[in-house]
Each structure stands twice: as structure tokens, then as C-alpha cells.
Amino acid sequence: MDILLYMIPIALLLGFIAVLAFSWALKSGQYDDLDGASQRVLLDDDVEKPE
């Protein structure tokens, strides 16, 4: 039972860090363009046009 005195604060601290990281990602625009990456994969800019 003594281990709970260490594990509960550690779990709360890790949860708080995860919430901070998620809120930072939202504020920095990480989730703004979800469809853009999937569309860029399909576009092939490396192909040269035949003359």
C-alpha cells in the first residue's frame, strides 16, 4: 500500500504533462489541416511532363 503514495502523484503529474502537451499542440496549429497531408501524398510533383 505504500507504493500508492508514490504512484498516484506520479500518475497525476504525467497526466498533467500530457494535457499540457496536447494543449500546446492545439495552440500551435498541429491539427489545423488534417486532410492536407493525405492529399500531398497523392500528388506526384516529381514526374516531368513529356515534350
N, C-alpha and C. Protein backbone atom coordinates (compact mmCIF):
# COMPACT_ATOMS: atom_id res chain seq x y z
N MET A 1 0.81 -1.20 0.00
CA MET A 1 0.00 0.00 0.00
C MET A 1 0.85 1.27 0.00
N ASP A 2 2.07 1.17 0.45
CA ASP A 2 2.93 2.35 0.48
C ASP A 2 3.29 2.81 -0.94
N ILE A 3 3.28 1.89 -1.88
CA ILE A 3 3.63 2.25 -3.25
C ILE A 3 2.61 3.22 -3.85
N LEU A 4 1.37 3.17 -3.36
CA LEU A 4 0.34 4.09 -3.85
C LEU A 4 0.67 5.54 -3.52
N LEU A 5 1.41 5.77 -2.44
CA LEU A 5 1.81 7.12 -2.09
C LEU A 5 2.76 7.71 -3.12
N TYR A 6 3.46 6.86 -3.85
CA TYR A 6 4.36 7.32 -4.91
C TYR A 6 3.70 7.29 -6.29
N MET A 7 2.92 6.27 -6.52
CA MET A 7 2.36 6.06 -7.86
C MET A 7 1.25 7.05 -8.21
N ILE A 8 0.41 7.42 -7.28
CA ILE A 8 -0.70 8.35 -7.57
C ILE A 8 -0.18 9.73 -7.95
N PRO A 9 0.77 10.33 -7.20
CA PRO A 9 1.29 11.63 -7.65
C PRO A 9 2.04 11.56 -8.98
N ILE A 10 2.75 10.47 -9.21
CA ILE A 10 3.46 10.32 -10.48
C ILE A 10 2.45 10.23 -11.63
N ALA A 11 1.36 9.48 -11.45
CA ALA A 11 0.34 9.36 -12.49
C ALA A 11 -0.34 10.70 -12.74
N LEU A 12 -0.61 11.46 -11.67
CA LEU A 12 -1.22 12.78 -11.85
C LEU A 12 -0.28 13.73 -12.57
N LEU A 13 1.00 13.68 -12.24
CA LEU A 13 1.99 14.53 -12.91
C LEU A 13 2.10 14.19 -14.39
N LEU A 14 2.15 12.92 -14.72
CA LEU A 14 2.23 12.51 -16.13
C LEU A 14 0.96 12.89 -16.88
N GLY A 15 -0.19 12.78 -16.25
CA GLY A 15 -1.44 13.20 -16.89
C GLY A 15 -1.45 14.69 -17.14
N PHE A 16 -0.96 15.47 -16.18
CA PHE A 16 -0.89 16.92 -16.35
C PHE A 16 0.06 17.30 -17.48
N ILE A 17 1.19 16.62 -17.58
CA ILE A 17 2.13 16.87 -18.67
C ILE A 17 1.51 16.53 -20.02
N ALA A 18 0.73 15.45 -20.08
CA ALA A 18 0.06 15.07 -21.33
C ALA A 18 -0.98 16.12 -21.74
N VAL A 19 -1.71 16.66 -20.77
CA VAL A 19 -2.70 17.70 -21.07
C VAL A 19 -1.99 18.97 -21.57
N LEU A 20 -0.88 19.32 -20.95
CA LEU A 20 -0.10 20.48 -21.41
C LEU A 20 0.42 20.28 -22.84
N ALA A 21 0.92 19.09 -23.13
CA ALA A 21 1.44 18.82 -24.47
C ALA A 21 0.32 18.88 -25.51
N PHE A 22 -0.84 18.36 -25.16
CA PHE A 22 -1.97 18.39 -26.09
C PHE A 22 -2.46 19.81 -26.32
N SER A 23 -2.54 20.61 -25.25
CA SER A 23 -2.98 21.99 -25.43
C SER A 23 -1.96 22.80 -26.21
N TRP A 24 -0.67 22.51 -26.04
CA TRP A 24 0.36 23.19 -26.84
C TRP A 24 0.20 22.82 -28.32
N ALA A 25 -0.08 21.55 -28.61
CA ALA A 25 -0.25 21.12 -29.99
C ALA A 25 -1.46 21.80 -30.62
N LEU A 26 -2.53 21.97 -29.87
CA LEU A 26 -3.71 22.66 -30.40
C LEU A 26 -3.41 24.13 -30.69
N LYS A 27 -2.71 24.79 -29.78
CA LYS A 27 -2.43 26.21 -29.95
C LYS A 27 -1.42 26.48 -31.06
N SER A 28 -0.52 25.52 -31.32
CA SER A 28 0.50 25.75 -32.34
C SER A 28 0.03 25.34 -33.74
N GLY A 29 -1.21 24.84 -33.87
CA GLY A 29 -1.77 24.55 -35.18
C GLY A 29 -1.43 23.18 -35.73
N GLN A 30 -1.13 22.23 -34.88
CA GLN A 30 -0.78 20.89 -35.34
C GLN A 30 -1.96 20.16 -35.97
N TYR A 31 -3.18 20.53 -35.59
CA TYR A 31 -4.37 19.83 -36.07
C TYR A 31 -5.21 20.69 -37.01
N ASP A 32 -4.63 21.74 -37.58
CA ASP A 32 -5.40 22.63 -38.44
C ASP A 32 -5.77 22.00 -39.78
N ASP A 33 -4.82 21.34 -40.43
CA ASP A 33 -5.05 20.82 -41.77
C ASP A 33 -4.89 19.30 -41.77
N LEU A 34 -5.94 18.60 -41.41
CA LEU A 34 -5.85 17.14 -41.32
C LEU A 34 -5.89 16.48 -42.69
N ASP A 35 -6.56 17.09 -43.67
CA ASP A 35 -6.68 16.49 -44.99
C ASP A 35 -5.52 16.84 -45.90
N GLY A 36 -4.78 17.86 -45.59
CA GLY A 36 -3.69 18.31 -46.45
C GLY A 36 -2.60 17.27 -46.63
N ALA A 37 -2.19 16.61 -45.56
CA ALA A 37 -1.13 15.61 -45.64
C ALA A 37 -1.55 14.43 -46.50
N SER A 38 -2.81 14.02 -46.37
CA SER A 38 -3.25 12.87 -47.17
C SER A 38 -3.35 13.24 -48.65
N GLN A 39 -3.65 14.48 -48.95
CA GLN A 39 -3.71 14.90 -50.35
C GLN A 39 -2.31 15.09 -50.94
N ARG A 40 -1.37 15.54 -50.15
CA ARG A 40 0.00 15.74 -50.64
C ARG A 40 0.66 14.42 -50.99
N VAL A 41 0.27 13.34 -50.33
CA VAL A 41 0.82 12.03 -50.65
C VAL A 41 0.40 11.61 -52.05
N LEU A 42 -0.82 11.95 -52.43
CA LEU A 42 -1.34 11.52 -53.72
C LEU A 42 -0.80 12.35 -54.88
N LEU A 43 -0.43 13.59 -54.63
CA LEU A 43 0.10 14.44 -55.68
C LEU A 43 1.54 14.04 -55.98
N ASP A 44 1.85 13.89 -57.24
CA ASP A 44 3.18 13.46 -57.65
C ASP A 44 3.85 14.62 -58.39
N ASP A 45 4.62 15.40 -57.67
CA ASP A 45 5.27 16.57 -58.27
C ASP A 45 6.59 16.22 -58.95
N ASP A 46 7.10 15.02 -58.75
CA ASP A 46 8.40 14.66 -59.30
C ASP A 46 8.35 14.26 -60.77
N VAL A 47 7.19 13.94 -61.31
CA VAL A 47 7.06 13.47 -62.69
C VAL A 47 7.20 14.65 -63.65
N GLU A 48 8.12 14.50 -64.60
CA GLU A 48 8.30 15.55 -65.61
C GLU A 48 7.31 15.32 -66.75
N LYS A 49 6.86 16.41 -67.36
CA LYS A 49 5.94 16.31 -68.48
C LYS A 49 6.71 15.93 -69.74
N PRO A 50 6.15 14.99 -70.52
CA PRO A 50 6.85 14.62 -71.77
C PRO A 50 6.76 15.76 -72.78
N GLU A 51 7.81 15.91 -73.56
CA GLU A 51 7.84 17.00 -74.55
C GLU A 51 7.32 16.58 -75.90
